[in-house]
Amino acid sequence: MKMSEKRALVQKKQEAAGRKAKPSKTKDPKLKSIKTKEPKAKMAGGAKKRGAADAPLAHDTLQIFPDARVFETNLTAKFKERVVWQRPDPREIKSIIPGVVTSLNIKEGDHVEEGDLLLTFEAMKMHNLVAAPFAGTVEKIFVKEGEKTPKGVVMLYLKWDQEIVEDIEDPLTSGDLGLIV
C-alpha cells in the first residue's frame, strides 16, 4: 500500500470518528482537502478557550521559569492537591518533631539576644535546646511546660528589634539560589 493511500485511510477513519485530520506536509493535490487543526486560543492566566460543551481541559500547563516556554502536560491528582510550599516566617518558632515542652526559659515581653536559650523540647528521648535565631522580644508564647505538641505547631512568636529589620534581606528573594519567588 502506498503512503498516499495510507494517509487517505487515516483521514477517512478520523472523519468517521468525528475528529479533524492532521494537516499534511505533502504537495499531493488529493490531500489538500484535509482540514487543519485550529490553534487553541489562550485566555488570561494560561487557561484555554473552551468549546460549547464546556468539557474539562485535556492538559494542564506548566511553566518553570517566567520567560520560558509553556508546556502542556498531564498533572496527577496528587500534584494538584498538594500543599503548596510557603517561605517559613523566621519569627515563628515551630516544633520540628512531635514532643513535650519540658521547660520554658522566657516569658512574654522578655528581650532575647541571638543564641539565648528559649525553651527545652523533649522528643524521641532527647532534650532539644531551642535558641533564639535573632535578637528580639518574645511577643507571644503558645505552649506551656509539660504540654505535648505535634509537628509544625508554632510554639512562640518573636518580634524583631528595629535595628535588625533594616539589615535583613528582602524576604521575597532567595539569596542561596538567586531566584525571585
Protein backbone atom coordinates (compact mmCIF):
# COMPACT_ATOMS: atom_id res chain seq x y z
CA MET A 1 0.00 0.00 0.00
CA LYS A 2 1.36 3.41 -0.94
CA MET A 3 1.90 6.21 1.54
CA SER A 4 -0.83 8.39 -0.01
CA GLU A 5 -3.33 5.53 0.29
CA LYS A 6 -2.46 5.11 3.98
CA ARG A 7 -2.98 8.82 4.59
CA ALA A 8 -6.35 8.68 2.83
CA LEU A 9 -7.39 5.75 5.07
CA VAL A 10 -6.35 7.64 8.19
CA GLN A 11 -8.32 10.66 7.01
CA LYS A 12 -11.45 8.55 6.47
CA LYS A 13 -11.14 6.94 9.92
CA GLN A 14 -10.75 10.34 11.59
CA GLU A 15 -13.73 11.79 9.71
CA ALA A 16 -15.81 8.76 10.69
CA ALA A 17 -14.85 9.28 14.33
CA GLY A 18 -15.85 12.95 14.08
CA ARG A 19 -12.32 14.24 14.56
CA LYS A 20 -10.36 16.62 12.41
CA ALA A 21 -7.43 15.21 10.47
CA LYS A 22 -3.86 16.36 10.94
CA PRO A 23 -2.53 18.70 8.25
CA SER A 24 -0.41 17.10 5.58
CA LYS A 25 3.06 18.34 4.66
CA THR A 26 2.94 16.83 1.16
CA LYS A 27 2.12 18.67 -2.03
CA ASP A 28 -0.29 15.99 -3.21
CA PRO A 29 -3.42 17.78 -4.62
CA LYS A 30 -5.71 14.96 -3.39
CA LEU A 31 -4.65 15.55 0.21
CA LYS A 32 -5.03 19.35 0.20
CA SER A 33 -8.67 18.94 1.15
CA ILE A 34 -7.67 17.77 4.64
CA LYS A 35 -8.95 20.11 7.30
CA THR A 36 -6.30 21.57 9.54
CA LYS A 37 -6.42 21.86 13.28
CA GLU A 38 -7.41 25.26 14.56
CA PRO A 39 -4.92 26.73 17.01
CA LYS A 40 -6.11 26.76 20.60
CA ALA A 41 -6.95 30.25 21.76
CA LYS A 42 -5.29 31.23 25.03
CA MET A 43 -7.05 33.24 27.68
CA ALA A 44 -5.68 35.15 30.67
CA GLY A 45 -3.80 33.07 33.23
CA GLY A 46 -2.84 30.32 30.78
CA ALA A 47 -6.39 28.93 30.58
CA LYS A 48 -7.57 27.64 27.23
CA LYS A 49 -10.80 28.69 25.48
CA ARG A 50 -13.43 26.01 25.93
CA GLY A 51 -15.93 24.78 23.41
CA ALA A 52 -19.73 24.84 23.61
CA ALA A 53 -19.82 21.63 25.62
CA ASP A 54 -17.65 23.23 28.37
CA ALA A 55 -15.68 19.97 28.67
CA PRO A 56 -12.75 19.81 31.10
CA LEU A 57 -9.33 20.60 29.69
CA ALA A 58 -7.33 17.64 28.44
CA HIS A 59 -4.00 19.13 29.55
CA ASP A 60 -2.67 21.43 32.22
CA THR A 61 0.02 23.99 31.53
CA LEU A 62 3.37 24.08 33.27
CA GLN A 63 5.87 26.92 33.12
CA ILE A 64 9.13 26.51 35.03
CA PHE A 65 10.62 29.98 34.55
CA PRO A 66 8.62 33.21 33.93
CA ASP A 67 10.06 33.89 30.46
CA ALA A 68 10.35 30.26 29.36
CA ARG A 69 8.21 28.07 27.13
CA VAL A 70 4.81 26.89 28.40
CA PHE A 71 4.37 23.11 28.25
CA GLU A 72 1.14 21.14 28.13
CA THR A 73 1.24 18.15 30.46
CA ASN A 74 -0.98 15.83 32.44
CA LEU A 75 -0.67 16.66 36.14
CA THR A 76 -1.51 13.95 38.65
CA ALA A 77 -4.26 14.40 41.22
CA LYS A 78 -1.62 14.12 43.95
CA PHE A 79 0.28 17.05 42.43
CA LYS A 80 -2.86 19.18 42.05
CA GLU A 81 -3.97 18.56 45.66
CA ARG A 82 -0.54 19.07 47.26
CA VAL A 83 0.08 21.62 49.98
CA VAL A 84 1.88 24.48 48.28
CA TRP A 85 5.21 25.39 49.89
CA GLN A 86 5.39 28.77 51.57
CA ARG A 87 8.51 30.52 52.80
CA PRO A 88 8.71 29.97 56.59
CA ASP A 89 8.45 33.04 58.81
CA PRO A 90 11.66 33.24 60.90
CA ARG A 91 9.71 34.97 63.69
CA GLU A 92 7.61 31.83 64.29
CA ILE A 93 9.45 29.22 66.36
CA LYS A 94 7.86 25.87 65.45
CA SER A 95 8.27 22.32 66.71
CA ILE A 96 10.09 20.29 64.08
CA ILE A 97 9.05 16.90 65.50
CA PRO A 98 6.33 15.83 67.98
CA GLY A 99 7.40 16.12 71.60
CA VAL A 100 6.91 17.69 75.02
CA VAL A 101 7.96 21.14 76.22
CA THR A 102 9.97 20.37 79.36
CA SER A 103 10.98 23.91 80.36
CA LEU A 104 10.38 27.50 79.26
CA ASN A 105 13.30 29.84 79.98
CA ILE A 106 11.49 33.02 78.89
CA LYS A 107 8.17 34.79 79.41
CA GLU A 108 6.16 37.15 77.23
CA GLY A 109 7.78 40.58 76.88
CA ASP A 110 11.34 39.34 77.58
CA HIS A 111 14.14 40.64 75.36
CA VAL A 112 16.44 37.91 73.99
CA GLU A 113 19.75 38.06 72.13
CA GLU A 114 20.73 35.77 69.26
CA GLY A 115 21.64 32.33 70.66
CA ASP A 116 19.82 32.74 74.01
CA LEU A 117 18.03 29.61 75.25
CA LEU A 118 14.27 29.92 74.75
CA LEU A 119 12.96 26.50 75.78
CA THR A 120 13.84 22.84 76.14
CA PHE A 121 11.86 20.44 73.98
CA GLU A 122 11.96 16.67 74.63
CA ALA A 123 11.44 14.49 71.58
CA MET A 124 12.46 10.88 70.97
CA LYS A 125 14.09 10.68 74.45
CA MET A 126 16.36 13.63 73.64
CA HIS A 127 16.34 17.11 75.12
CA ASN A 128 16.48 19.65 72.30
CA LEU A 129 17.55 23.17 73.22
CA VAL A 130 15.72 25.82 71.18
CA ALA A 131 17.79 29.01 70.81
CA ALA A 132 16.77 32.45 69.55
CA PRO A 133 17.64 32.84 65.84
CA PHE A 134 17.98 36.65 66.19
CA ALA A 135 17.78 39.39 68.81
CA GLY A 136 14.22 40.41 69.60
CA THR A 137 11.31 40.43 72.02
CA VAL A 138 9.12 37.46 72.94
CA GLU A 139 5.72 38.62 71.75
CA LYS A 140 3.54 35.54 72.38
CA ILE A 141 4.07 32.08 73.88
CA PHE A 142 1.62 29.44 72.64
CA VAL A 143 2.79 26.43 74.73
CA LYS A 144 3.10 25.61 78.44
CA GLU A 145 5.57 23.45 80.33
CA GLY A 146 4.63 19.76 80.11
CA GLU A 147 2.43 20.28 77.04
CA LYS A 148 2.61 17.75 74.21
CA THR A 149 2.99 19.39 70.81
CA PRO A 150 2.63 17.82 67.36
CA LYS A 151 5.00 18.55 64.48
CA GLY A 152 4.76 22.00 62.88
CA VAL A 153 2.97 23.80 65.73
CA VAL A 154 4.01 27.40 66.44
CA MET A 155 5.41 27.35 69.98
CA LEU A 156 6.28 31.05 70.29
CA TYR A 157 6.49 34.23 68.27
CA LEU A 158 9.46 36.62 68.36
CA LYS A 159 9.40 40.25 67.31
CA TRP A 160 12.50 41.70 65.60
CA ASP A 161 14.44 44.61 67.04
CA GLN A 162 14.11 47.71 64.86
CA GLU A 163 17.87 47.86 64.11
CA ILE A 164 17.89 44.31 62.76
CA VAL A 165 14.86 44.75 60.46
CA GLU A 166 16.84 47.20 58.31
CA ASP A 167 19.76 44.76 57.90
CA ILE A 168 17.65 41.75 56.85
CA GLU A 169 17.43 40.97 53.12
CA ASP A 170 14.22 41.31 51.18
CA PRO A 171 12.12 38.27 52.27
CA LEU A 172 10.87 37.77 48.70
CA THR A 173 14.31 36.93 47.35
CA SER A 174 16.28 33.82 48.00
CA GLY A 175 19.97 34.61 48.45
CA ASP A 176 21.05 30.98 48.25
CA LEU A 177 19.82 30.37 44.66
CA GLY A 178 19.42 33.88 43.34
CA LEU A 179 15.78 33.17 42.42
CA ILE A 180 12.89 35.55 42.87
CA VAL A 181 9.85 33.83 44.27
